[in-house]
Amino acid sequence: MIEKAKAVIDAAREKMQGAVTYLDEDLKTYRAGKANPAIFNNVMVNYYGTMTPIPQVASISTPDAKTMLIQPWDRNLLHTVEKAIMDANLGFTPQNNGEMIRINVPALTEERRKELVKKARTAGESTKVGVRNARRDAIESLKKLQKEGLPEDTEKDFEDEVQKLTDSFIKKVDEILVAKEKEMMTV
């Protein structure tokens, strides 16, 4: 019975970690006023009939904090990549020189920074909801195990452990958000 309870806690930890990891990856795609190739992870191009993220069809480099260079491995994709960047409405104007695409990253306006912070907080809140849902599911499973014969005091101990786990992941989400807000608000 105790093994099942430990499995429930491990599953909850995995779900919580997954939610936090997703938030972390999602926030990397937010443009913070400096060159960040992760911005293109969700920008898709038509690569021989298959929608493919730009990083899978081109190399993206950042020679300095305000410039990104995108060099498709297939030169025929230059215009397709350029159009995809324009269509993605990331606030960039790609410059195509026939071999690669140069992108100068403009400084963010104060209004855009605040918008991004608000969007990041919303993403953080939904991550916290995911963490709390994992806690709820774990506690429900522990209560079922109690009905199947797990001692009540042991069940309460496991519930406390789930709560501590939840608190630590909520704290982690807050730390990630504070760091990202600081990064976005820094001019």
Protein backbone atom coordinates (compact mmCIF):
# COMPACT_ATOMS: atom_id res chain seq x y z
CA MET A 1 0.00 0.00 0.00
CA ILE A 2 2.83 2.38 0.89
CA GLU A 3 4.51 1.60 -2.46
CA LYS A 4 1.32 2.68 -4.26
CA ALA A 5 1.25 5.92 -2.23
CA LYS A 6 4.89 6.61 -3.15
CA ALA A 7 4.03 5.97 -6.80
CA VAL A 8 1.20 8.52 -6.51
CA ILE A 9 3.64 11.10 -5.14
CA ASP A 10 6.19 10.36 -7.88
CA ALA A 11 3.50 10.79 -10.53
CA ALA A 12 2.44 14.11 -8.98
CA ARG A 13 6.09 15.28 -8.92
CA GLU A 14 6.44 14.36 -12.59
CA LYS A 15 3.29 16.27 -13.57
CA MET A 16 4.39 19.32 -11.58
CA GLN A 17 7.88 19.21 -13.08
CA GLY A 18 6.36 18.92 -16.55
CA ALA A 19 4.23 22.02 -15.99
CA VAL A 20 7.24 24.04 -14.76
CA THR A 21 9.44 22.83 -17.64
CA TYR A 22 6.75 23.80 -20.14
CA LEU A 23 6.53 27.29 -18.61
CA ASP A 24 10.30 27.67 -18.77
CA GLU A 25 10.39 26.65 -22.44
CA ASP A 26 7.41 28.87 -23.27
CA LEU A 27 8.99 31.94 -21.66
CA LYS A 28 12.12 31.45 -23.77
CA THR A 29 10.06 32.32 -26.83
CA TYR A 30 9.17 35.76 -25.40
CA ARG A 31 11.21 38.50 -27.01
CA ALA A 32 13.00 40.42 -24.28
CA GLY A 33 14.75 43.07 -26.38
CA LYS A 34 17.86 41.05 -27.10
CA ALA A 35 18.71 38.45 -29.71
CA ASN A 36 17.33 35.05 -28.69
CA PRO A 37 17.17 32.25 -31.29
CA ALA A 38 14.50 30.41 -29.23
CA ILE A 39 12.02 33.01 -30.50
CA PHE A 40 11.83 31.06 -33.77
CA ASN A 41 11.04 27.67 -32.16
CA ASN A 42 7.32 28.12 -32.90
CA VAL A 43 7.67 29.79 -36.32
CA MET A 44 6.86 27.20 -38.99
CA VAL A 45 7.90 27.07 -42.64
CA ASN A 46 6.64 24.80 -45.39
CA TYR A 47 9.58 22.46 -45.98
CA TYR A 48 8.74 20.18 -48.90
CA GLY A 49 5.11 19.87 -47.84
CA THR A 50 5.75 19.55 -44.10
CA MET A 51 5.33 22.39 -41.62
CA THR A 52 8.69 22.56 -39.82
CA PRO A 53 10.07 24.96 -37.16
CA ILE A 54 12.75 27.32 -38.50
CA PRO A 55 15.53 25.93 -36.21
CA GLN A 56 15.12 22.55 -37.96
CA VAL A 57 15.75 23.96 -41.45
CA ALA A 58 18.35 26.65 -40.73
CA SER A 59 21.18 27.61 -38.45
CA ILE A 60 20.47 30.62 -36.26
CA SER A 61 23.35 32.57 -34.77
CA THR A 62 23.60 35.70 -32.67
CA PRO A 63 26.80 37.59 -33.53
CA ASP A 64 25.83 40.28 -30.99
CA ALA A 65 23.01 41.14 -28.58
CA LYS A 66 20.97 42.99 -31.21
CA THR A 67 21.49 40.85 -34.33
CA MET A 68 20.45 37.38 -35.43
CA LEU A 69 21.55 35.60 -38.59
CA ILE A 70 19.44 32.84 -40.10
CA GLN A 71 21.05 30.68 -42.75
CA PRO A 72 18.76 28.02 -44.24
CA TRP A 73 20.54 24.82 -45.20
CA ASP A 74 18.58 24.86 -48.46
CA ARG A 75 18.97 28.23 -50.20
CA ASN A 76 15.57 27.80 -51.88
CA LEU A 77 14.00 28.34 -48.44
CA LEU A 78 15.33 31.90 -47.99
CA HIS A 79 12.12 33.60 -49.14
CA THR A 80 9.90 31.06 -47.37
CA VAL A 81 11.70 31.64 -44.05
CA GLU A 82 11.60 35.41 -44.57
CA LYS A 83 7.85 35.30 -45.23
CA ALA A 84 7.23 33.03 -42.21
CA ILE A 85 9.04 35.52 -39.94
CA MET A 86 6.98 38.39 -41.33
CA ASP A 87 3.73 36.39 -40.94
CA ALA A 88 4.60 35.44 -37.35
CA ASN A 89 4.34 39.12 -36.44
CA LEU A 90 7.29 39.04 -34.04
CA GLY A 91 8.09 42.71 -34.60
CA PHE A 92 11.10 42.00 -36.82
CA THR A 93 11.92 43.14 -40.32
CA PRO A 94 14.09 40.42 -41.89
CA GLN A 95 16.74 41.53 -44.39
CA ASN A 96 17.55 38.96 -47.06
CA ASN A 97 20.95 39.33 -48.78
CA GLY A 98 20.56 36.26 -51.00
CA GLU A 99 22.57 33.96 -48.71
CA MET A 100 21.19 34.57 -45.25
CA ILE A 101 18.58 36.56 -43.39
CA ARG A 102 19.76 39.25 -41.01
CA ILE A 103 17.45 40.40 -38.26
CA ASN A 104 18.13 43.48 -36.20
CA VAL A 105 16.34 43.21 -32.87
CA PRO A 106 14.74 46.55 -32.04
CA ALA A 107 14.52 47.70 -28.44
CA LEU A 108 11.12 46.99 -26.90
CA THR A 109 8.84 49.86 -26.04
CA GLU A 110 7.76 50.26 -22.42
CA GLU A 111 4.20 49.37 -23.42
CA ARG A 112 5.33 46.15 -25.16
CA ARG A 113 7.46 45.20 -22.13
CA LYS A 114 4.47 45.57 -19.82
CA GLU A 115 2.35 43.54 -22.26
CA LEU A 116 4.93 40.73 -22.23
CA VAL A 117 5.16 40.77 -18.42
CA LYS A 118 1.36 40.48 -18.25
CA LYS A 119 1.45 37.57 -20.73
CA ALA A 120 4.22 35.89 -18.70
CA ARG A 121 2.20 36.26 -15.47
CA THR A 122 -0.82 34.69 -17.18
CA ALA A 123 1.34 31.76 -18.32
CA GLY A 124 2.68 31.50 -14.76
CA GLU A 125 -0.82 31.40 -13.31
CA SER A 126 -1.90 28.62 -15.65
CA THR A 127 1.24 26.69 -14.68
CA LYS A 128 0.32 27.09 -11.01
CA VAL A 129 -3.16 25.78 -11.83
CA GLY A 130 -1.51 22.74 -13.44
CA VAL A 131 0.60 22.18 -10.32
CA ARG A 132 -2.46 22.47 -8.08
CA ASN A 133 -4.39 20.05 -10.31
CA ALA A 134 -1.58 17.53 -9.90
CA ARG A 135 -1.84 18.01 -6.12
CA ARG A 136 -5.60 17.50 -6.20
CA ASP A 137 -5.27 14.32 -8.26
CA ALA A 138 -2.60 12.98 -5.91
CA ILE A 139 -4.68 13.68 -2.80
CA GLU A 140 -7.73 12.01 -4.37
CA SER A 141 -5.63 8.94 -5.17
CA LEU A 142 -4.27 8.87 -1.60
CA LYS A 143 -7.82 9.02 -0.19
CA LYS A 144 -8.77 6.04 -2.40
CA LEU A 145 -5.74 4.16 -1.07
CA GLN A 146 -6.88 4.94 2.47
CA LYS A 147 -10.25 3.34 1.69
CA GLU A 148 -8.35 0.31 0.36
CA GLY A 149 -6.48 -0.09 3.64
CA LEU A 150 -3.73 2.57 3.90
CA PRO A 151 -3.63 3.77 7.55
CA GLU A 152 -5.17 7.24 8.02
CA ASP A 153 -2.11 8.78 9.71
CA THR A 154 0.14 7.46 6.90
CA GLU A 155 -2.26 8.93 4.34
CA LYS A 156 -2.07 12.31 6.14
CA ASP A 157 1.75 12.14 6.09
CA PHE A 158 1.69 11.53 2.34
CA GLU A 159 -0.78 14.41 1.89
CA ASP A 160 1.65 16.68 3.76
CA GLU A 161 4.42 15.51 1.46
CA VAL A 162 2.28 16.33 -1.60
CA GLN A 163 1.58 19.79 -0.15
CA LYS A 164 5.30 20.43 0.43
CA LEU A 165 5.97 19.33 -3.14
CA THR A 166 3.27 21.68 -4.39
CA ASP A 167 4.67 24.60 -2.37
CA SER A 168 8.17 24.02 -3.74
CA PHE A 169 6.94 23.96 -7.38
CA ILE A 170 4.78 27.06 -6.88
CA LYS A 171 7.88 28.79 -5.45
CA LYS A 172 9.88 27.64 -8.49
CA VAL A 173 7.24 29.14 -10.82
CA ASP A 174 7.41 32.44 -8.92
CA GLU A 175 11.22 32.47 -9.18
CA ILE A 176 11.09 31.83 -12.93
CA LEU A 177 8.55 34.63 -13.39
CA VAL A 178 10.54 37.13 -11.30
CA ALA A 179 13.69 36.38 -13.33
CA LYS A 180 11.84 36.70 -16.66
CA GLU A 181 10.13 39.96 -15.59
CA LYS A 182 13.49 41.39 -14.58
CA GLU A 183 14.95 40.36 -17.94
CA MET A 184 12.03 41.86 -19.88
CA MET A 185 11.95 45.14 -17.96
CA THR A 186 15.71 45.71 -18.27
CA VAL A 187 16.36 48.19 -21.07
